[in-house]
C-alpha atoms as a PDB file:
ATOM      1  CA  UNK A   1       0.000   0.000   0.000  1.00  0.00           C
ATOM      2  CA  UNK A   2       2.861   2.397   0.762  1.00  0.00           C
ATOM      3  CA  UNK A   3       4.389   1.703  -2.648  1.00  0.00           C
ATOM      4  CA  UNK A   4       1.118   2.687  -4.313  1.00  0.00           C
ATOM      5  CA  UNK A   5       0.994   5.849  -2.136  1.00  0.00           C
ATOM      6  CA  UNK A   6      -2.669   5.359  -1.390  1.00  0.00           C
ATOM      7  CA  UNK A   7      -2.901   8.630   0.565  1.00  0.00           C
ATOM      8  CA  UNK A   8      -2.017  10.583  -2.601  1.00  0.00           C
ATOM      9  CA  UNK A   9      -4.545   8.553  -4.581  1.00  0.00           C
ATOM     10  CA  UNK A  10      -7.242   9.210  -1.964  1.00  0.00           C
ATOM     11  CA  UNK A  11      -6.564  12.953  -1.929  1.00  0.00           C
ATOM     12  CA  UNK A  12      -6.530  13.104  -5.736  1.00  0.00           C
ATOM     13  CA  UNK A  13      -9.845  11.243  -5.936  1.00  0.00           C
ATOM     14  CA  UNK A  14     -11.498  13.558  -3.405  1.00  0.00           C
ATOM     15  CA  UNK A  15     -10.122  16.674  -5.125  1.00  0.00           C
ATOM     16  CA  UNK A  16     -11.211  15.371  -8.508  1.00  0.00           C
ATOM     17  CA  UNK A  17     -14.668  14.613  -7.166  1.00  0.00           C
ATOM     18  CA  UNK A  18     -15.018  18.165  -5.843  1.00  0.00           C
ATOM     19  CA  UNK A  19     -13.824  19.601  -9.158  1.00  0.00           C
ATOM     20  CA  UNK A  20     -16.318  17.401 -11.007  1.00  0.00           C
ATOM     21  CA  UNK A  21     -19.110  18.554  -8.717  1.00  0.00           C
ATOM     22  CA  UNK A  22     -18.310  22.214  -9.480  1.00  0.00           C
ATOM     23  CA  UNK A  23     -18.265  21.441 -13.197  1.00  0.00           C
ATOM     24  CA  UNK A  24     -21.710  19.868 -12.904  1.00  0.00           C
ATOM     25  CA  UNK A  25     -22.996  22.946 -11.076  1.00  0.00           C
ATOM     26  CA  UNK A  26     -21.737  25.147 -13.913  1.00  0.00           C
ATOM     27  CA  UNK A  27     -23.380  23.028 -16.635  1.00  0.00           C
ATOM     28  CA  UNK A  28     -26.266  20.795 -15.441  1.00  0.00           C
ATOM     29  CA  UNK A  29     -27.275  20.018 -19.034  1.00  0.00           C
ATOM     30  CA  UNK A  30     -23.921  18.361 -19.721  1.00  0.00           C
ATOM     31  CA  UNK A  31     -24.316  16.252 -16.605  1.00  0.00           C
ATOM     32  CA  UNK A  32     -27.768  15.049 -17.670  1.00  0.00           C
ATOM     33  CA  UNK A  33     -26.451  13.810 -21.018  1.00  0.00           C
ATOM     34  CA  UNK A  34     -23.151  12.353 -19.779  1.00  0.00           C
ATOM     35  CA  UNK A  35     -24.352   9.269 -17.955  1.00  0.00           C
ATOM     36  CA  UNK A  36     -24.599  10.609 -14.401  1.00  0.00           C
ATOM     37  CA  UNK A  37     -22.997   9.223 -11.259  1.00  0.00           C
ATOM     38  CA  UNK A  38     -22.200   5.695 -12.518  1.00  0.00           C
ATOM     39  CA  UNK A  39     -19.952   7.114 -15.239  1.00  0.00           C
ATOM     40  CA  UNK A  40     -18.523   9.722 -12.831  1.00  0.00           C
ATOM     41  CA  UNK A  41     -17.463   7.001 -10.375  1.00  0.00           C
ATOM     42  CA  UNK A  42     -15.984   5.027 -13.264  1.00  0.00           C
ATOM     43  CA  UNK A  43     -13.980   8.092 -14.313  1.00  0.00           C
ATOM     44  CA  UNK A  44     -12.551   8.506 -10.800  1.00  0.00           C
ATOM     45  CA  UNK A  45     -11.685   4.791 -10.714  1.00  0.00           C
ATOM     46  CA  UNK A  46      -9.838   5.004 -14.050  1.00  0.00           C
ATOM     47  CA  UNK A  47      -7.730   7.913 -12.823  1.00  0.00           C
ATOM     48  CA  UNK A  48      -6.985   6.141  -9.532  1.00  0.00           C
ATOM     49  CA  UNK A  49      -5.843   2.988 -11.364  1.00  0.00           C
ATOM     50  CA  UNK A  50      -3.574   4.875 -13.769  1.00  0.00           C
ATOM     51  CA  UNK A  51      -2.014   7.009 -11.036  1.00  0.00           C
ATOM     52  CA  UNK A  52      -1.499   3.911  -8.863  1.00  0.00           C
ATOM     53  CA  UNK A  53       0.349   2.258 -11.723  1.00  0.00           C
ATOM     54  CA  UNK A  54       2.437   5.392 -12.207  1.00  0.00           C
ATOM     55  CA  UNK A  55       3.346   5.436  -8.497  1.00  0.00           C
ATOM     56  CA  UNK A  56       4.543   1.829  -8.645  1.00  0.00           C
ATOM     57  CA  UNK A  57       6.709   2.547 -11.674  1.00  0.00           C
ATOM     58  CA  UNK A  58       8.123   5.676 -10.010  1.00  0.00           C
ATOM     59  CA  UNK A  59       9.058   3.607  -6.967  1.00  0.00           C
ATOM     60  CA  UNK A  60      10.721   1.021  -9.202  1.00  0.00           C
ATOM     61  CA  UNK A  61      12.960   3.617 -10.859  1.00  0.00           C
ATOM     62  CA  UNK A  62      13.566   5.514  -7.591  1.00  0.00           C
ATOM     63  CA  UNK A  63      14.551   2.457  -5.530  1.00  0.00           C
ATOM     64  CA  UNK A  64      18.298   3.162  -5.539  1.00  0.00           C
ATOM     65  CA  UNK A  65      17.831   6.888  -4.860  1.00  0.00           C
ATOM     66  CA  UNK A  66      15.378   6.244  -2.009  1.00  0.00           C
ATOM     67  CA  UNK A  67      17.685   3.620  -0.506  1.00  0.00           C
ATOM     68  CA  UNK A  68      20.161   6.435   0.207  1.00  0.00           C
ATOM     69  CA  UNK A  69      17.723   9.028   1.503  1.00  0.00           C
ATOM     70  CA  UNK A  70      15.192   6.864   3.369  1.00  0.00           C
ATOM     71  CA  UNK A  71      16.952   3.498   3.837  1.00  0.00           C
ATOM     72  CA  UNK A  72      14.817   1.780   6.495  1.00  0.00           C
ATOM     73  CA  UNK A  73      11.537   2.257   4.680  1.00  0.00           C
ATOM     74  CA  UNK A  74      13.068   1.477   1.287  1.00  0.00           C
ATOM     75  CA  UNK A  75      14.772  -1.756   2.396  1.00  0.00           C
ATOM     76  CA  UNK A  76      11.343  -3.374   2.650  1.00  0.00           C
ATOM     77  CA  UNK A  77       9.671  -1.541  -0.236  1.00  0.00           C
ATOM     78  CA  UNK A  78      12.474  -2.187  -2.726  1.00  0.00           C
ATOM     79  CA  UNK A  79      12.076  -5.968  -2.580  1.00  0.00           C
ATOM     80  CA  UNK A  80       8.308  -5.747  -2.966  1.00  0.00           C
ATOM     81  CA  UNK A  81       8.407  -3.169  -5.761  1.00  0.00           C
ATOM     82  CA  UNK A  82      11.096  -4.942  -7.783  1.00  0.00           C
ATOM     83  CA  UNK A  83       9.272  -8.280  -7.643  1.00  0.00           C
ATOM     84  CA  UNK A  84       5.677  -7.186  -7.980  1.00  0.00           C
ATOM     85  CA  UNK A  85       5.725  -3.478  -8.905  1.00  0.00           C
ATOM     86  CA  UNK A  86       5.980  -3.526 -12.698  1.00  0.00           C
ATOM     87  CA  UNK A  87       3.540  -6.459 -13.267  1.00  0.00           C
ATOM     88  CA  UNK A  88       1.041  -4.888 -10.853  1.00  0.00           C
ATOM     89  CA  UNK A  89       1.461  -1.452 -12.467  1.00  0.00           C
ATOM     90  CA  UNK A  90       0.713  -2.832 -15.925  1.00  0.00           C
ATOM     91  CA  UNK A  91      -2.257  -4.743 -14.501  1.00  0.00           C
ATOM     92  CA  UNK A  92      -3.636  -1.471 -13.125  1.00  0.00           C
ATOM     93  CA  UNK A  93      -3.059   0.247 -16.464  1.00  0.00           C
ATOM     94  CA  UNK A  94      -4.556  -2.586 -18.509  1.00  0.00           C
ATOM     95  CA  UNK A  95      -7.714  -2.596 -16.390  1.00  0.00           C
ATOM     96  CA  UNK A  96      -7.910   1.218 -16.250  1.00  0.00           C
ATOM     97  CA  UNK A  97      -7.439   1.678 -19.999  1.00  0.00           C
ATOM     98  CA  UNK A  98      -9.996  -1.031 -20.669  1.00  0.00           C
ATOM     99  CA  UNK A  99     -12.531   0.923 -18.618  1.00  0.00           C
ATOM    100  CA  UNK A 100     -11.508   4.139 -20.387  1.00  0.00           C
ATOM    101  CA  UNK A 101     -12.164   2.674 -23.836  1.00  0.00           C
ATOM    102  CA  UNK A 102     -15.536   1.532 -22.501  1.00  0.00           C
ATOM    103  CA  UNK A 103     -16.371   5.244 -22.124  1.00  0.00           C
ATOM    104  CA  UNK A 104     -15.642   5.863 -25.802  1.00  0.00           C
ATOM    105  CA  UNK A 105     -12.813   6.613 -28.213  1.00  0.00           C
ATOM    106  CA  UNK A 106     -12.299  10.164 -26.981  1.00  0.00           C
ATOM    107  CA  UNK A 107     -11.739   9.157 -23.359  1.00  0.00           C
ATOM    108  CA  UNK A 108      -9.801   6.056 -24.363  1.00  0.00           C
ATOM    109  CA  UNK A 109      -7.305   8.100 -26.389  1.00  0.00           C
ATOM    110  CA  UNK A 110      -6.947  10.677 -23.621  1.00  0.00           C
ATOM    111  CA  UNK A 111      -6.113   8.085 -20.978  1.00  0.00           C
ATOM    112  CA  UNK A 112      -3.828   6.164 -23.344  1.00  0.00           C
ATOM    113  CA  UNK A 113      -1.786   9.337 -23.845  1.00  0.00           C
ATOM    114  CA  UNK A 114      -1.868   9.966 -20.091  1.00  0.00           C
ATOM    115  CA  UNK A 115      -0.520   6.479 -19.348  1.00  0.00           C
ATOM    116  CA  UNK A 116       2.227   6.948 -21.953  1.00  0.00           C
ATOM    117  CA  UNK A 117       3.240  10.262 -20.375  1.00  0.00           C
ATOM    118  CA  UNK A 118       3.365   8.649 -16.929  1.00  0.00           C
ATOM    119  CA  UNK A 119       5.664   5.939 -18.266  1.00  0.00           C
ATOM    120  CA  UNK A 120       7.961   8.418 -20.050  1.00  0.00           C
ATOM    121  CA  UNK A 121       8.173  10.631 -16.968  1.00  0.00           C
ATOM    122  CA  UNK A 122       8.978   7.705 -14.675  1.00  0.00           C
ATOM    123  CA  UNK A 123      11.685   6.500 -17.056  1.00  0.00           C
ATOM    124  CA  UNK A 124      13.265   9.915 -17.709  1.00  0.00           C
ATOM    125  CA  UNK A 125      12.648  11.888 -14.509  1.00  0.00           C
ATOM    126  CA  UNK A 126      16.207  11.481 -13.179  1.00  0.00           C
ATOM    127  CA  UNK A 127      17.630  12.937 -16.401  1.00  0.00           C
ATOM    128  CA  UNK A 128      15.443  16.045 -16.354  1.00  0.00           C
ATOM    129  CA  UNK A 129      17.425  19.062 -15.199  1.00  0.00           C
ATOM    130  CA  UNK A 130      14.881  21.859 -15.434  1.00  0.00           C
ATOM    131  CA  UNK A 131      11.140  21.688 -15.440  1.00  0.00           C
ATOM    132  CA  UNK A 132      10.889  18.289 -13.737  1.00  0.00           C
ATOM    133  CA  UNK A 133       8.687  19.691 -10.958  1.00  0.00           C
ATOM    134  CA  UNK A 134       6.390  21.403 -13.460  1.00  0.00           C
ATOM    135  CA  UNK A 135       6.078  18.166 -15.459  1.00  0.00           C
ATOM    136  CA  UNK A 136       5.172  16.218 -12.310  1.00  0.00           C
ATOM    137  CA  UNK A 137       2.569  18.827 -11.375  1.00  0.00           C
ATOM    138  CA  UNK A 138       1.175  18.810 -14.902  1.00  0.00           C
ATOM    139  CA  UNK A 139       0.704  15.045 -14.749  1.00  0.00           C
ATOM    140  CA  UNK A 140      -1.132  15.473 -11.442  1.00  0.00           C
ATOM    141  CA  UNK A 141      -3.351  18.107 -13.119  1.00  0.00           C
ATOM    142  CA  UNK A 142      -4.337  16.020 -16.153  1.00  0.00           C
ATOM    143  CA  UNK A 143      -6.920  13.886 -14.275  1.00  0.00           C
ATOM    144  CA  UNK A 144      -8.870  17.094 -13.656  1.00  0.00           C
ATOM    145  CA  UNK A 145      -8.874  17.818 -17.381  1.00  0.00           C
ATOM    146  CA  UNK A 146     -10.354  14.375 -17.962  1.00  0.00           C
ATOM    147  CA  UNK A 147     -13.442  15.540 -16.055  1.00  0.00           C
ATOM    148  CA  UNK A 148     -13.744  18.583 -18.312  1.00  0.00           C
ATOM    149  CA  UNK A 149     -13.202  16.467 -21.406  1.00  0.00           C
ATOM    150  CA  UNK A 150     -15.914  14.058 -20.329  1.00  0.00           C
ATOM    151  CA  UNK A 151     -18.458  16.821 -19.613  1.00  0.00           C
ATOM    152  CA  UNK A 152     -17.129  19.024 -22.453  1.00  0.00           C
ATOM    153  CA  UNK A 153     -17.194  22.088 -20.253  1.00  0.00           C
ATOM    154  CA  UNK A 154     -14.601  24.206 -18.420  1.00  0.00           C
ATOM    155  CA  UNK A 155     -15.718  27.595 -17.020  1.00  0.00           C
ATOM    156  CA  UNK A 156     -13.020  30.285 -16.969  1.00  0.00           C
ATOM    157  CA  UNK A 157     -13.056  30.626 -13.167  1.00  0.00           C
ATOM    158  CA  UNK A 158     -12.404  26.902 -12.696  1.00  0.00           C
ATOM    159  CA  UNK A 159      -9.700  27.056 -15.365  1.00  0.00           C
ATOM    160  CA  UNK A 160      -7.902  29.854 -13.499  1.00  0.00           C
ATOM    161  CA  UNK A 161      -8.388  28.001 -10.231  1.00  0.00           C
ATOM    162  CA  UNK A 162      -6.903  24.872 -11.784  1.00  0.00           C
ATOM    163  CA  UNK A 163      -3.885  26.778 -13.104  1.00  0.00           C
ATOM    164  CA  UNK A 164      -3.255  28.236  -9.642  1.00  0.00           C
ATOM    165  CA  UNK A 165      -3.437  24.737  -8.155  1.00  0.00           C
ATOM    166  CA  UNK A 166      -0.994  23.614 -10.844  1.00  0.00           C
ATOM    167  CA  UNK A 167       1.491  26.236  -9.649  1.00  0.00           C
ATOM    168  CA  UNK A 168       0.945  25.221  -6.015  1.00  0.00           C
ATOM    169  CA  UNK A 169       1.575  21.569  -6.850  1.00  0.00           C
ATOM    170  CA  UNK A 170       4.715  22.549  -8.794  1.00  0.00           C
ATOM    171  CA  UNK A 171       5.911  24.377  -5.685  1.00  0.00           C
ATOM    172  CA  UNK A 172       5.182  21.322  -3.542  1.00  0.00           C
ATOM    173  CA  UNK A 173       7.095  19.020  -5.882  1.00  0.00           C
ATOM    174  CA  UNK A 174      10.105  21.358  -5.715  1.00  0.00           C
ATOM    175  CA  UNK A 175       9.923  21.556  -1.907  1.00  0.00           C
ATOM    176  CA  UNK A 176       9.735  17.770  -1.691  1.00  0.00           C
ATOM    177  CA  UNK A 177      12.831  17.416  -3.883  1.00  0.00           C
ATOM    178  CA  UNK A 178      14.692  19.992  -1.779  1.00  0.00           C
ATOM    179  CA  UNK A 179      14.453  17.748   1.284  1.00  0.00           C
ATOM    180  CA  UNK A 180      16.728  15.084  -0.234  1.00  0.00           C
ATOM    181  CA  UNK A 181      18.810  17.084  -2.730  1.00  0.00           C
ATOM    182  CA  UNK A 182      22.248  17.695  -1.179  1.00  0.00           C
ATOM    183  CA  UNK A 183      22.397  21.157  -2.739  1.00  0.00           C
ATOM    184  CA  UNK A 184      18.743  21.919  -1.886  1.00  0.00           C
ATOM    185  CA  UNK A 185      18.167  23.178  -5.411  1.00  0.00           C
ATOM    186  CA  UNK A 186      14.405  23.045  -5.295  1.00  0.00           C
ATOM    187  CA  UNK A 187      13.822  25.261  -2.268  1.00  0.00           C
ATOM    188  CA  UNK A 188      14.270  28.635  -3.973  1.00  0.00           C
ATOM    189  CA  UNK A 189      12.340  27.386  -7.001  1.00  0.00           C
ATOM    190  CA  UNK A 190       9.519  26.316  -4.694  1.00  0.00           C
ATOM    191  CA  UNK A 191       9.281  29.766  -3.124  1.00  0.00           C
ATOM    192  CA  UNK A 192       9.386  31.459  -6.533  1.00  0.00           C
ATOM    193  CA  UNK A 193       6.596  29.310  -7.966  1.00  0.00           C
ATOM    194  CA  UNK A 194       4.498  29.705  -4.810  1.00  0.00           C
ATOM    195  CA  UNK A 195       4.845  33.482  -5.090  1.00  0.00           C
ATOM    196  CA  UNK A 196       3.709  33.226  -8.728  1.00  0.00           C
ATOM    197  CA  UNK A 197       0.671  31.223  -7.581  1.00  0.00           C
ATOM    198  CA  UNK A 198      -0.184  33.836  -4.961  1.00  0.00           C
ATOM    199  CA  UNK A 199       0.210  36.713  -7.453  1.00  0.00           C
ATOM    200  CA  UNK A 200      -1.850  34.958 -10.141  1.00  0.00           C
ATOM    201  CA  UNK A 201      -4.609  34.176  -7.656  1.00  0.00           C
ATOM    202  CA  UNK A 202      -4.825  37.679  -6.196  1.00  0.00           C
ATOM    203  CA  UNK A 203      -4.584  39.491  -9.546  1.00  0.00           C
ATOM    204  CA  UNK A 204      -7.138  37.272 -11.304  1.00  0.00           C
ATOM    205  CA  UNK A 205      -9.489  37.520  -8.329  1.00  0.00           C
ATOM    206  CA  UNK A 206      -9.236  41.314  -8.300  1.00  0.00           C
ATOM    207  CA  UNK A 207      -9.633  41.566 -12.078  1.00  0.00           C
ATOM    208  CA  UNK A 208     -12.735  39.366 -12.338  1.00  0.00           C
ATOM    209  CA  UNK A 209     -14.228  40.165  -8.950  1.00  0.00           C
ATOM    210  CA  UNK A 210     -13.644  36.742  -7.384  1.00  0.00           C
ATOM    211  CA  UNK A 211     -12.946  37.159  -3.644  1.00  0.00           C
ATOM    212  CA  UNK A 212     -12.384  33.417  -3.353  1.00  0.00           C
ATOM    213  CA  UNK A 213      -9.308  33.627  -5.577  1.00  0.00           C
ATOM    214  CA  UNK A 214      -7.916  36.466  -3.448  1.00  0.00           C
ATOM    215  CA  UNK A 215      -8.565  34.321  -0.370  1.00  0.00           C
ATOM    216  CA  UNK A 216      -6.526  31.507  -1.914  1.00  0.00           C
ATOM    217  CA  UNK A 217      -3.606  33.765  -2.767  1.00  0.00           C
ATOM    218  CA  UNK A 218      -3.224  35.551   0.560  1.00  0.00           C
ATOM    219  CA  UNK A 219      -1.839  32.624   2.675  1.00  0.00           C
ATOM    220  CA  UNK A 220       0.657  31.713  -0.058  1.00  0.00           C
ATOM    221  CA  UNK A 221       2.059  35.235  -0.240  1.00  0.00           C
ATOM    222  CA  UNK A 222       2.312  35.420   3.546  1.00  0.00           C
ATOM    223  CA  UNK A 223       4.113  32.056   3.693  1.00  0.00           C
ATOM    224  CA  UNK A 224       6.664  33.139   1.067  1.00  0.00           C
ATOM    225  CA  UNK A 225       7.422  36.363   2.950  1.00  0.00           C
ATOM    226  CA  UNK A 226       7.808  34.527   6.258  1.00  0.00           C
ATOM    227  CA  UNK A 227      10.086  31.820   4.837  1.00  0.00           C
ATOM    228  CA  UNK A 228      12.240  34.410   3.096  1.00  0.00           C
ATOM    229  CA  UNK A 229      12.603  36.143   6.444  1.00  0.00           C
ATOM    230  CA  UNK A 230      13.640  32.868   8.120  1.00  0.00           C
ATOM    231  CA  UNK A 231      16.107  32.170   5.306  1.00  0.00           C
ATOM    232  CA  UNK A 232      17.745  35.576   5.627  1.00  0.00           C
ATOM    233  CA  UNK A 233      17.934  35.138   9.391  1.00  0.00           C
ATOM    234  CA  UNK A 234      19.698  31.782   9.028  1.00  0.00           C
ATOM    235  CA  UNK A 235      22.227  33.338   6.631  1.00  0.00           C
ATOM    236  CA  UNK A 236      22.980  36.125   9.097  1.00  0.00           C
ATOM    237  CA  UNK A 237      23.672  33.504  11.761  1.00  0.00           C
ATOM    238  CA  UNK A 238      26.004  31.607   9.413  1.00  0.00           C
ATOM    239  CA  UNK A 239      23.763  28.544   9.049  1.00  0.00           C
ATOM    240  CA  UNK A 240      22.903  27.625   5.468  1.00  0.00           C
ATOM    241  CA  UNK A 241      21.986  24.276   3.940  1.00  0.00           C
ATOM    242  CA  UNK A 242      20.785  22.284   7.010  1.00  0.00           C
ATOM    243  CA  UNK A 243      18.403  25.061   7.979  1.00  0.00           C
ATOM    244  CA  UNK A 244      17.265  25.484   4.388  1.00  0.00           C
ATOM    245  CA  UNK A 245      16.508  21.753   4.210  1.00  0.00           C
ATOM    246  CA  UNK A 246      14.391  22.124   7.351  1.00  0.00           C
ATOM    247  CA  UNK A 247      12.635  25.081   5.750  1.00  0.00           C
ATOM    248  CA  UNK A 248      11.907  22.846   2.744  1.00  0.00           C
ATOM    249  CA  UNK A 249      10.287  20.247   5.013  1.00  0.00           C
ATOM    250  CA  UNK A 250       8.213  22.955   6.685  1.00  0.00           C
ATOM    251  CA  UNK A 251       7.217  24.329   3.305  1.00  0.00           C
ATOM    252  CA  UNK A 252       6.187  20.875   2.087  1.00  0.00           C
ATOM    253  CA  UNK A 253       3.979  20.415   5.172  1.00  0.00           C
ATOM    254  CA  UNK A 254       2.461  23.877   4.703  1.00  0.00           C
ATOM    255  CA  UNK A 255       1.695  23.180   1.035  1.00  0.00           C
ATOM    256  CA  UNK A 256      -0.105  19.930   1.879  1.00  0.00           C
ATOM    257  CA  UNK A 257      -2.362  21.799   4.300  1.00  0.00           C
ATOM    258  CA  UNK A 258      -2.662  24.670   1.834  1.00  0.00           C
ATOM    259  CA  UNK A 259      -3.953  22.347  -0.882  1.00  0.00           C
ATOM    260  CA  UNK A 260      -6.712  21.176   1.467  1.00  0.00           C
ATOM    261  CA  UNK A 261      -7.517  24.805   2.311  1.00  0.00           C
ATOM    262  CA  UNK A 262      -7.729  25.631  -1.405  1.00  0.00           C
ATOM    263  CA  UNK A 263     -10.156  22.766  -1.943  1.00  0.00           C
ATOM    264  CA  UNK A 264     -12.285  24.124   0.891  1.00  0.00           C
ATOM    265  CA  UNK A 265     -12.379  27.528  -0.783  1.00  0.00           C
ATOM    266  CA  UNK A 266     -13.487  25.843  -4.004  1.00  0.00           C
ATOM    267  CA  UNK A 267     -16.361  24.114  -2.212  1.00  0.00           C
ATOM    268  CA  UNK A 268     -17.648  26.973  -0.075  1.00  0.00           C
ATOM    269  CA  UNK A 269     -16.627  30.190  -1.856  1.00  0.00           C
ATOM    270  CA  UNK A 270     -15.991  29.811  -5.594  1.00  0.00           C
END
């Protein structure tokens, strides 16, 4: 279960369900002609199966790297993933793609491309120098687009909201990488992308009169300012990389909570 990262799958399914619910609210006619809840549940299941397969393949390729940075957990996982990971991943994908083609050619092609991108990313992620965090976030964002493709609707406010979440997830991926990178390369990138998310949220909310978007952006901007202050303080005291790595862990924790907060704003405000 740890190798599949079920907690990520659960959060993605809940977030996708909320996004789908908001899409239905924006276009009830599309919902009536799309097959209703049985097809919606099937769509969430397809995404969960494909992402589960992608997680197993990621763990397979990351086994040596994780053995260095988290040895005790990886000693057990590596044996399981190497023996069962790839066959189980392809079983998930085979079943998921079969269900996708059951929904029609359009959805089948979309999920086939998605599975191919997951495989390419897992195989090439260690060779990516720049943009790896954005690619990972983009792959996490694609399941949301599958909901829009199925209903054939995507209101502008949900599109902007989704793009802001994409930036937040990019920041989280960079912060996660900064915890194990000896040079902590992703920490500054994480702060920069999070600031971009805050600015995009506040500016778009002010421009289109969406207070919910401003509400999403405010905590992110405050967090960036506070962490920059802590970083400058650690430099003054002559402490650099160890403290920055701790900041990266704190930032990763904040971003996980922040994603949940953003979903709450989507449900109750937007």
